[in-house]
Amino acid sequence: MPHSFDSEPHTAVVSPPAPLTCRQLDHLPSDPARAAVGHYQCLVVSVQTARREMLLRAAAEGGWQTLYAADAATARRQLARMFVQLAIVDLDHAPEEDAGEFRRVLEDLSEMTGLLLVVCGNEETPLEEIWARQLGVWLYLPGVTEADEVALLCGEARQITEQIQAAQGARPMHDLPGNL
């Protein structure tokens, strides 16, 4: 029987894709060149669950496929498997024993080409901002708490990434087959 169509248009609500879990990442190819996927990828690194969820939500609202890590080892493993264009590292809520490892991850991230790096830092530590700026971070956000503000910045990061790809002659990720 043929499908009938209503005269009123229907809209579909598309929610952002869920972040990939460590178990899902274990099934991805471990290519030294890292797997390129058909979405703009953002890695969020934060030990605090509520904070990490806020940053993930903001990145998704800004148009990013999100990955997350609660520790430095997981962050490194994900970076070895996936190509990311944006990384958000939360130093503000990292316990002192994790902060050193997160700083080393930031140093590794700063050496990656084509990556916008955002650091959520502590308002009380101006030397941290100087250190982060010396690494070449795109944004240093001291004491950020609002998901809406971060979502706007993630949207800007997405636009910058698209402009960089266009300038390099690459097709935008959303134009690749399977992403229409």
N, C-alpha and C. Protein backbone atom coordinates (compact mmCIF):
# COMPACT_ATOMS: atom_id res chain seq x y z
N MET A 1 0.84 -1.17 0.00
CA MET A 1 0.00 0.00 0.00
C MET A 1 0.89 1.24 0.00
N PRO A 2 0.62 2.20 -0.86
CA PRO A 2 1.44 3.41 -0.91
C PRO A 2 1.31 4.22 0.36
N HIS A 3 2.40 4.90 0.68
CA HIS A 3 2.44 5.76 1.86
C HIS A 3 1.75 7.07 1.55
N SER A 4 0.85 7.51 2.42
CA SER A 4 0.18 8.79 2.19
C SER A 4 0.93 9.89 2.94
N PHE A 5 0.92 11.07 2.38
CA PHE A 5 1.61 12.21 2.97
C PHE A 5 0.59 13.24 3.41
N ASP A 6 0.77 13.77 4.59
CA ASP A 6 -0.08 14.86 5.07
C ASP A 6 0.29 16.13 4.33
N SER A 7 -0.61 17.06 4.32
CA SER A 7 -0.30 18.33 3.68
C SER A 7 0.59 19.20 4.55
N GLU A 8 0.65 18.92 5.83
CA GLU A 8 1.51 19.71 6.73
C GLU A 8 2.90 19.11 6.76
N PRO A 9 3.91 19.95 6.70
CA PRO A 9 5.28 19.42 6.77
C PRO A 9 5.59 18.94 8.19
N HIS A 10 6.41 17.94 8.26
CA HIS A 10 6.84 17.39 9.54
C HIS A 10 8.29 17.78 9.77
N THR A 11 8.60 18.06 11.00
CA THR A 11 9.98 18.36 11.33
C THR A 11 10.51 17.27 12.24
N ALA A 12 11.72 16.92 12.04
CA ALA A 12 12.36 15.92 12.89
C ALA A 12 13.31 16.63 13.84
N VAL A 13 13.28 16.23 15.07
CA VAL A 13 14.20 16.77 16.05
C VAL A 13 15.40 15.84 16.09
N VAL A 14 16.55 16.39 15.77
CA VAL A 14 17.77 15.61 15.74
C VAL A 14 18.63 16.04 16.91
N SER A 15 18.85 15.12 17.82
CA SER A 15 19.70 15.44 18.96
C SER A 15 21.14 15.16 18.61
N PRO A 16 22.07 15.87 19.26
CA PRO A 16 23.48 15.65 18.95
C PRO A 16 23.88 14.23 19.30
N PRO A 17 24.84 13.67 18.57
CA PRO A 17 25.28 12.32 18.86
C PRO A 17 25.88 12.24 20.26
N ALA A 18 25.70 11.09 20.88
CA ALA A 18 26.23 10.88 22.22
C ALA A 18 27.75 10.76 22.16
N PRO A 19 28.44 11.17 23.23
CA PRO A 19 29.90 11.01 23.24
C PRO A 19 30.28 9.54 23.14
N LEU A 20 31.40 9.28 22.51
CA LEU A 20 31.88 7.91 22.43
C LEU A 20 32.47 7.49 23.77
N THR A 21 32.18 6.26 24.16
CA THR A 21 32.72 5.74 25.40
C THR A 21 34.06 5.06 25.14
N CYS A 22 34.77 4.75 26.20
CA CYS A 22 36.05 4.06 26.06
C CYS A 22 35.86 2.70 25.39
N ARG A 23 34.78 2.01 25.71
CA ARG A 23 34.50 0.70 25.10
C ARG A 23 34.29 0.86 23.59
N GLN A 24 33.56 1.88 23.17
CA GLN A 24 33.37 2.11 21.75
C GLN A 24 34.69 2.46 21.08
N LEU A 25 35.51 3.24 21.76
CA LEU A 25 36.80 3.61 21.19
C LEU A 25 37.72 2.41 21.00
N ASP A 26 37.59 1.40 21.88
CA ASP A 26 38.43 0.22 21.77
C ASP A 26 38.17 -0.55 20.48
N HIS A 27 37.01 -0.35 19.86
CA HIS A 27 36.67 -1.05 18.62
C HIS A 27 37.00 -0.23 17.38
N LEU A 28 37.56 0.94 17.54
CA LEU A 28 37.95 1.77 16.41
C LEU A 28 39.34 1.38 15.94
N PRO A 29 39.66 1.62 14.67
CA PRO A 29 41.00 1.28 14.18
C PRO A 29 42.07 2.08 14.89
N SER A 30 43.18 1.42 15.19
CA SER A 30 44.29 2.09 15.85
C SER A 30 45.34 2.44 14.79
N ASP A 31 45.02 3.37 13.94
CA ASP A 31 45.89 3.80 12.86
C ASP A 31 46.80 4.90 13.38
N PRO A 32 48.10 4.82 13.13
CA PRO A 32 48.99 5.88 13.60
C PRO A 32 48.59 7.26 13.07
N ALA A 33 47.99 7.31 11.90
CA ALA A 33 47.57 8.59 11.34
C ALA A 33 46.25 9.04 11.95
N ARG A 34 45.66 8.26 12.79
CA ARG A 34 44.37 8.50 13.43
C ARG A 34 43.24 8.45 12.41
N ALA A 35 42.16 7.88 12.84
CA ALA A 35 41.00 7.74 11.96
C ALA A 35 40.32 9.09 11.77
N ALA A 36 40.06 9.44 10.54
CA ALA A 36 39.28 10.63 10.26
C ALA A 36 37.83 10.21 10.17
N VAL A 37 36.96 10.96 10.74
CA VAL A 37 35.54 10.63 10.72
C VAL A 37 34.79 11.78 10.08
N GLY A 38 33.51 11.56 9.82
CA GLY A 38 32.73 12.54 9.10
C GLY A 38 32.10 13.61 9.95
N HIS A 39 32.61 13.86 11.10
CA HIS A 39 32.08 14.91 11.97
C HIS A 39 33.25 15.75 12.48
N TYR A 40 32.93 16.91 12.92
CA TYR A 40 33.93 17.71 13.61
C TYR A 40 34.05 17.15 15.02
N GLN A 41 35.26 16.79 15.41
CA GLN A 41 35.49 16.10 16.67
C GLN A 41 36.04 17.04 17.75
N CYS A 42 35.46 16.95 18.94
CA CYS A 42 35.93 17.71 20.10
C CYS A 42 36.20 16.75 21.24
N LEU A 43 37.37 16.86 21.82
CA LEU A 43 37.72 16.07 23.01
C LEU A 43 37.60 16.96 24.24
N VAL A 44 36.84 16.50 25.22
CA VAL A 44 36.70 17.20 26.50
C VAL A 44 37.41 16.37 27.56
N VAL A 45 38.34 17.01 28.28
CA VAL A 45 39.10 16.33 29.33
C VAL A 45 38.79 17.02 30.65
N SER A 46 38.12 16.30 31.55
CA SER A 46 37.78 16.83 32.87
C SER A 46 37.53 15.68 33.83
N VAL A 47 38.03 15.83 35.04
CA VAL A 47 37.82 14.77 36.03
C VAL A 47 36.45 14.85 36.69
N GLN A 48 35.88 16.03 36.74
CA GLN A 48 34.61 16.23 37.43
C GLN A 48 33.45 15.93 36.48
N THR A 49 32.62 14.97 36.86
CA THR A 49 31.54 14.51 35.99
C THR A 49 30.58 15.62 35.58
N ALA A 50 30.08 16.40 36.52
CA ALA A 50 29.11 17.46 36.20
C ALA A 50 29.73 18.50 35.27
N ARG A 51 30.96 18.84 35.53
CA ARG A 51 31.66 19.83 34.70
C ARG A 51 31.89 19.27 33.30
N ARG A 52 32.31 18.01 33.23
CA ARG A 52 32.55 17.36 31.94
C ARG A 52 31.25 17.31 31.12
N GLU A 53 30.15 16.97 31.77
CA GLU A 53 28.86 16.92 31.07
C GLU A 53 28.45 18.30 30.56
N MET A 54 28.71 19.34 31.35
CA MET A 54 28.39 20.70 30.91
C MET A 54 29.21 21.05 29.67
N LEU A 55 30.50 20.73 29.68
CA LEU A 55 31.37 21.04 28.55
C LEU A 55 31.00 20.20 27.32
N LEU A 56 30.64 18.94 27.53
CA LEU A 56 30.20 18.09 26.42
C LEU A 56 28.93 18.63 25.79
N ARG A 57 27.98 19.02 26.62
CA ARG A 57 26.72 19.57 26.12
C ARG A 57 26.97 20.86 25.32
N ALA A 58 27.84 21.71 25.84
CA ALA A 58 28.16 22.96 25.16
C ALA A 58 28.82 22.69 23.81
N ALA A 59 29.75 21.74 23.76
CA ALA A 59 30.41 21.40 22.50
C ALA A 59 29.41 20.84 21.49
N ALA A 60 28.52 19.98 21.95
CA ALA A 60 27.51 19.41 21.05
C ALA A 60 26.59 20.51 20.52
N GLU A 61 26.20 21.44 21.38
CA GLU A 61 25.36 22.56 20.94
C GLU A 61 26.10 23.45 19.94
N GLY A 62 27.42 23.48 20.03
CA GLY A 62 28.23 24.25 19.09
C GLY A 62 28.51 23.53 17.79
N GLY A 63 27.95 22.31 17.63
CA GLY A 63 28.08 21.59 16.37
C GLY A 63 29.18 20.55 16.32
N TRP A 64 29.64 20.07 17.46
CA TRP A 64 30.75 19.12 17.51
C TRP A 64 30.27 17.73 17.92
N GLN A 65 30.90 16.71 17.34
CA GLN A 65 30.79 15.34 17.82
C GLN A 65 31.75 15.28 19.00
N THR A 66 31.31 14.77 20.14
CA THR A 66 32.13 14.87 21.33
C THR A 66 32.71 13.52 21.77
N LEU A 67 33.90 13.60 22.29
CA LEU A 67 34.59 12.51 22.97
C LEU A 67 34.98 13.04 24.34
N TYR A 68 35.18 12.16 25.30
CA TYR A 68 35.59 12.67 26.60
C TYR A 68 36.60 11.76 27.25
N ALA A 69 37.29 12.35 28.20
CA ALA A 69 38.26 11.62 29.00
C ALA A 69 38.23 12.18 30.41
N ALA A 70 38.25 11.30 31.39
CA ALA A 70 38.28 11.71 32.79
C ALA A 70 39.69 11.69 33.35
N ASP A 71 40.65 11.23 32.54
CA ASP A 71 42.03 11.19 33.00
C ASP A 71 42.96 11.33 31.80
N ALA A 72 44.21 11.57 32.09
CA ALA A 72 45.20 11.83 31.04
C ALA A 72 45.45 10.61 30.16
N ALA A 73 45.47 9.42 30.76
CA ALA A 73 45.72 8.21 29.98
C ALA A 73 44.62 7.99 28.93
N THR A 74 43.37 8.19 29.33
CA THR A 74 42.26 8.04 28.39
C THR A 74 42.34 9.10 27.30
N ALA A 75 42.69 10.32 27.67
CA ALA A 75 42.83 11.39 26.69
C ALA A 75 43.89 11.02 25.64
N ARG A 76 45.01 10.52 26.08
CA ARG A 76 46.07 10.13 25.14
C ARG A 76 45.62 8.99 24.24
N ARG A 77 44.91 8.03 24.81
CA ARG A 77 44.43 6.89 24.02
C ARG A 77 43.44 7.37 22.95
N GLN A 78 42.55 8.27 23.31
CA GLN A 78 41.58 8.77 22.34
C GLN A 78 42.26 9.59 21.25
N LEU A 79 43.24 10.39 21.63
CA LEU A 79 43.97 11.19 20.64
C LEU A 79 44.76 10.31 19.68
N ALA A 80 45.19 9.15 20.14
CA ALA A 80 45.92 8.22 19.27
C ALA A 80 44.98 7.57 18.26
N ARG A 81 43.69 7.49 18.57
CA ARG A 81 42.74 6.82 17.70
C ARG A 81 41.90 7.74 16.84
N MET A 82 41.67 8.95 17.31
CA MET A 82 40.74 9.84 16.61
C MET A 82 41.42 11.16 16.29
N PHE A 83 41.04 11.74 15.16
CA PHE A 83 41.50 13.07 14.80
C PHE A 83 40.51 14.06 15.38
N VAL A 84 40.98 14.98 16.19
CA VAL A 84 40.11 16.00 16.77
C VAL A 84 40.57 17.37 16.29
N GLN A 85 39.60 18.26 16.14
CA GLN A 85 39.92 19.63 15.72
C GLN A 85 39.81 20.61 16.88
N LEU A 86 39.16 20.18 17.96
CA LEU A 86 38.97 21.03 19.14
C LEU A 86 39.18 20.18 20.39
N ALA A 87 39.94 20.71 21.33
CA ALA A 87 40.12 20.04 22.63
C ALA A 87 39.85 21.06 23.73
N ILE A 88 39.06 20.64 24.70
CA ILE A 88 38.76 21.47 25.87
C ILE A 88 39.29 20.73 27.09
N VAL A 89 40.25 21.33 27.77
CA VAL A 89 40.86 20.70 28.94
C VAL A 89 40.52 21.53 30.17
N ASP A 90 39.94 20.89 31.15
CA ASP A 90 39.50 21.54 32.38
C ASP A 90 40.56 21.39 33.46
N LEU A 91 41.40 22.40 33.62
CA LEU A 91 42.38 22.40 34.70
C LEU A 91 41.79 22.93 36.00
N ASP A 92 40.72 23.71 35.89
CA ASP A 92 40.12 24.36 37.06
C ASP A 92 39.62 23.36 38.08
N HIS A 93 39.11 22.24 37.63
CA HIS A 93 38.53 21.27 38.56
C HIS A 93 39.37 20.00 38.69
N ALA A 94 40.61 20.06 38.25
CA ALA A 94 41.49 18.89 38.35
C ALA A 94 42.19 18.89 39.71
N PRO A 95 42.10 17.78 40.43
CA PRO A 95 42.87 17.69 41.68
C PRO A 95 44.36 17.81 41.38
N GLU A 96 45.10 18.27 42.34
CA GLU A 96 46.53 18.53 42.14
C GLU A 96 47.27 17.31 41.59
N GLU A 97 46.90 16.11 42.02
CA GLU A 97 47.59 14.91 41.52
C GLU A 97 47.31 14.67 40.04
N ASP A 98 46.18 15.13 39.51
CA ASP A 98 45.85 14.99 38.09
C ASP A 98 46.31 16.20 37.26
N ALA A 99 46.44 17.35 37.90
CA ALA A 99 46.75 18.59 37.17
C ALA A 99 48.06 18.48 36.40
N GLY A 100 49.07 17.87 36.99
CA GLY A 100 50.36 17.71 36.32
C GLY A 100 50.23 16.88 35.06
N GLU A 101 49.49 15.79 35.14
CA GLU A 101 49.28 14.94 33.95
C GLU A 101 48.47 15.68 32.90
N PHE A 102 47.46 16.43 33.31
CA PHE A 102 46.66 17.22 32.37
C PHE A 102 47.53 18.27 31.69
N ARG A 103 48.47 18.85 32.43
CA ARG A 103 49.37 19.85 31.82
C ARG A 103 50.26 19.20 30.76
N ARG A 104 50.70 17.97 31.02
CA ARG A 104 51.50 17.26 30.02
C ARG A 104 50.66 16.94 28.78
N VAL A 105 49.39 16.58 28.98
CA VAL A 105 48.50 16.36 27.84
C VAL A 105 48.35 17.65 27.05
N LEU A 106 48.20 18.78 27.75
CA LEU A 106 48.11 20.07 27.06
C LEU A 106 49.36 20.36 26.24
N GLU A 107 50.51 20.04 26.79
CA GLU A 107 51.76 20.25 26.05
C GLU A 107 51.77 19.39 24.79
N ASP A 108 51.31 18.14 24.90
CA ASP A 108 51.23 17.27 23.72
C ASP A 108 50.24 17.83 22.70
N LEU A 109 49.09 18.28 23.18
CA LEU A 109 48.06 18.83 22.30
C LEU A 109 48.56 20.08 21.57
N SER A 110 49.36 20.88 22.25
CA SER A 110 49.84 22.13 21.65
C SER A 110 50.75 21.88 20.45
N GLU A 111 51.27 20.69 20.33
CA GLU A 111 52.15 20.34 19.21
C GLU A 111 51.38 19.80 18.01
N MET A 112 50.08 19.58 18.17
CA MET A 112 49.28 19.02 17.09
C MET A 112 48.88 20.12 16.10
N THR A 113 48.94 19.82 14.84
CA THR A 113 48.57 20.75 13.78
C THR A 113 47.06 20.73 13.58
N GLY A 114 46.47 21.90 13.34
CA GLY A 114 45.05 21.97 13.02
C GLY A 114 44.13 21.78 14.20
N LEU A 115 44.61 22.01 15.40
CA LEU A 115 43.81 21.80 16.60
C LEU A 115 43.61 23.12 17.33
N LEU A 116 42.37 23.44 17.63
CA LEU A 116 42.07 24.59 18.50
C LEU A 116 42.02 24.06 19.92
N LEU A 117 42.75 24.70 20.80
CA LEU A 117 42.89 24.24 22.17
C LEU A 117 42.30 25.26 23.13
N VAL A 118 41.38 24.79 23.97
CA VAL A 118 40.72 25.63 24.97
C VAL A 118 41.08 25.08 26.36
N VAL A 119 41.47 25.98 27.24
CA VAL A 119 41.78 25.60 28.61
C VAL A 119 40.82 26.32 29.55
N CYS A 120 40.13 25.54 30.38
CA CYS A 120 39.31 26.10 31.44
C CYS A 120 40.21 26.13 32.67
N GLY A 121 40.57 27.32 33.09
CA GLY A 121 41.55 27.46 34.16
C GLY A 121 40.97 28.08 35.41
N ASN A 122 41.86 28.26 36.36
CA ASN A 122 41.51 28.79 37.67
C ASN A 122 41.70 30.30 37.67
N GLU A 123 40.66 31.02 38.09
CA GLU A 123 40.73 32.49 38.15
C GLU A 123 41.82 32.98 39.09
N GLU A 124 42.16 32.18 40.07
CA GLU A 124 43.11 32.59 41.11
C GLU A 124 44.57 32.36 40.71
N THR A 125 44.80 31.79 39.53
CA THR A 125 46.16 31.42 39.14
C THR A 125 46.56 32.10 37.84
N PRO A 126 47.00 33.36 37.89
CA PRO A 126 47.37 34.06 36.65
C PRO A 126 48.58 33.44 35.95
N LEU A 127 49.46 32.80 36.69
CA LEU A 127 50.62 32.17 36.04
C LEU A 127 50.20 31.00 35.15
N GLU A 128 49.10 30.36 35.50
CA GLU A 128 48.59 29.27 34.67
C GLU A 128 48.18 29.81 33.30
N GLU A 129 47.53 30.97 33.29
CA GLU A 129 47.12 31.56 32.02
C GLU A 129 48.34 31.93 31.18
N ILE A 130 49.36 32.48 31.79
CA ILE A 130 50.58 32.84 31.06
C ILE A 130 51.20 31.58 30.46
N TRP A 131 51.28 30.51 31.26
CA TRP A 131 51.82 29.24 30.78
C TRP A 131 51.00 28.72 29.60
N ALA A 132 49.66 28.75 29.73
CA ALA A 132 48.79 28.26 28.67
C ALA A 132 48.95 29.09 27.39
N ARG A 133 49.05 30.39 27.54
CA ARG A 133 49.23 31.26 26.37
C ARG A 133 50.56 30.97 25.69
N GLN A 134 51.59 30.67 26.47
CA GLN A 134 52.88 30.33 25.88
C GLN A 134 52.81 29.04 25.07
N LEU A 135 51.89 28.15 25.45
CA LEU A 135 51.69 26.93 24.68
C LEU A 135 50.98 27.21 23.36
N GLY A 136 50.29 28.34 23.30
CA GLY A 136 49.56 28.69 22.08
C GLY A 136 48.10 28.29 22.11
N VAL A 137 47.51 28.21 23.29
CA VAL A 137 46.09 27.86 23.35
C VAL A 137 45.25 28.92 22.64
N TRP A 138 44.16 28.48 22.05
CA TRP A 138 43.27 29.40 21.35
C TRP A 138 42.50 30.25 22.36
N LEU A 139 41.96 29.61 23.40
CA LEU A 139 41.22 30.33 24.43
C LEU A 139 41.62 29.84 25.81
N TYR A 140 41.76 30.78 26.71
CA TYR A 140 41.94 30.46 28.13
C TYR A 140 40.71 31.03 28.84
N LEU A 141 39.93 30.17 29.48
CA LEU A 141 38.67 30.57 30.13
C LEU A 141 38.78 30.39 31.63
N PRO A 142 39.13 31.45 32.35
CA PRO A 142 39.24 31.33 33.81
C PRO A 142 37.86 31.33 34.47
N GLY A 143 37.60 30.29 35.25
CA GLY A 143 36.37 30.24 36.05
C GLY A 143 35.08 30.13 35.26
N VAL A 144 35.11 29.61 34.05
CA VAL A 144 33.89 29.51 33.25
C VAL A 144 32.91 28.53 33.90
N THR A 145 31.63 28.93 33.93
CA THR A 145 30.61 28.08 34.56
C THR A 145 29.35 27.92 33.72
N GLU A 146 29.17 28.74 32.71
CA GLU A 146 27.93 28.73 31.93
C GLU A 146 28.09 27.96 30.63
N ALA A 147 27.25 26.96 30.44
CA ALA A 147 27.28 26.15 29.22
C ALA A 147 26.96 27.00 27.99
N ASP A 148 26.05 27.96 28.14
CA ASP A 148 25.67 28.81 26.99
C ASP A 148 26.87 29.58 26.45
N GLU A 149 27.70 30.11 27.35
CA GLU A 149 28.88 30.86 26.92
C GLU A 149 29.86 29.95 26.18
N VAL A 150 30.05 28.76 26.71
CA VAL A 150 30.97 27.81 26.08
C VAL A 150 30.40 27.34 24.75
N ALA A 151 29.09 27.15 24.66
CA ALA A 151 28.46 26.73 23.40
C ALA A 151 28.69 27.76 22.30
N LEU A 152 28.59 29.04 22.66
CA LEU A 152 28.85 30.10 21.67
C LEU A 152 30.29 30.01 21.17
N LEU A 153 31.22 29.82 22.09
CA LEU A 153 32.63 29.72 21.71
C LEU A 153 32.89 28.47 20.87
N CYS A 154 32.20 27.38 21.19
CA CYS A 154 32.35 26.15 20.39
C CYS A 154 31.80 26.36 18.99
N GLY A 155 30.71 27.13 18.88
CA GLY A 155 30.18 27.47 17.56
C GLY A 155 31.18 28.29 16.76
N GLU A 156 31.86 29.23 17.41
CA GLU A 156 32.90 30.02 16.74
C GLU A 156 34.07 29.13 16.33
N ALA A 157 34.42 28.18 17.19
CA ALA A 157 35.52 27.25 16.86
C ALA A 157 35.16 26.43 15.64
N ARG A 158 33.90 26.04 15.54
CA ARG A 158 33.45 25.27 14.37
C ARG A 158 33.59 26.10 13.10
N GLN A 159 33.20 27.38 13.16
CA GLN A 159 33.32 28.26 12.00
C GLN A 159 34.79 28.45 11.61
N ILE A 160 35.64 28.61 12.59
CA ILE A 160 37.08 28.77 12.32
C ILE A 160 37.62 27.51 11.66
N THR A 161 37.24 26.36 12.16
CA THR A 161 37.70 25.09 11.60
C THR A 161 37.24 24.95 10.15
N GLU A 162 36.00 25.33 9.87
CA GLU A 162 35.50 25.27 8.50
C GLU A 162 36.29 26.22 7.60
N GLN A 163 36.61 27.41 8.10
CA GLN A 163 37.38 28.38 7.32
C GLN A 163 38.79 27.87 7.05
N ILE A 164 39.39 27.24 8.04
CA ILE A 164 40.73 26.69 7.85
C ILE A 164 40.70 25.60 6.79
N GLN A 165 39.71 24.73 6.87
CA GLN A 165 39.60 23.66 5.87
C GLN A 165 39.37 24.23 4.48
N ALA A 166 38.53 25.26 4.38
CA ALA A 166 38.26 25.88 3.08
C ALA A 166 39.53 26.51 2.52
N ALA A 167 40.31 27.16 3.38
CA ALA A 167 41.55 27.81 2.93
C ALA A 167 42.57 26.78 2.48
N GLN A 168 42.52 25.59 3.06
CA GLN A 168 43.45 24.53 2.69
C GLN A 168 42.94 23.71 1.51
N GLY A 169 41.75 24.06 1.04
CA GLY A 169 41.20 23.35 -0.11
C GLY A 169 40.52 22.05 0.26
N ALA A 170 40.32 21.81 1.54
CA ALA A 170 39.64 20.58 1.97
C ALA A 170 38.14 20.78 1.90
N ARG A 171 37.43 19.71 1.62
CA ARG A 171 35.98 19.78 1.65
C ARG A 171 35.53 19.83 3.10
N PRO A 172 34.55 20.67 3.43
CA PRO A 172 34.05 20.69 4.80
C PRO A 172 33.54 19.32 5.20
N MET A 173 33.73 18.96 6.46
CA MET A 173 33.33 17.65 6.95
C MET A 173 31.86 17.38 6.69
N HIS A 174 31.01 18.40 6.80
CA HIS A 174 29.58 18.16 6.63
C HIS A 174 29.22 17.90 5.17
N ASP A 175 30.12 18.13 4.22
CA ASP A 175 29.86 17.86 2.81
C ASP A 175 30.32 16.48 2.39
N LEU A 176 30.99 15.76 3.25
CA LEU A 176 31.48 14.45 2.90
C LEU A 176 30.31 13.46 2.84
N PRO A 177 30.42 12.42 2.01
CA PRO A 177 29.33 11.43 1.92
C PRO A 177 29.01 10.87 3.30
N GLY A 178 27.75 10.68 3.57
CA GLY A 178 27.32 10.16 4.86
C GLY A 178 27.06 11.24 5.88
N ASN A 179 27.31 12.50 5.57
CA ASN A 179 27.11 13.59 6.54
C ASN A 179 26.15 14.62 6.02
N LEU A 180 25.30 14.25 5.10
CA LEU A 180 24.37 15.21 4.53
C LEU A 180 23.11 15.30 5.34
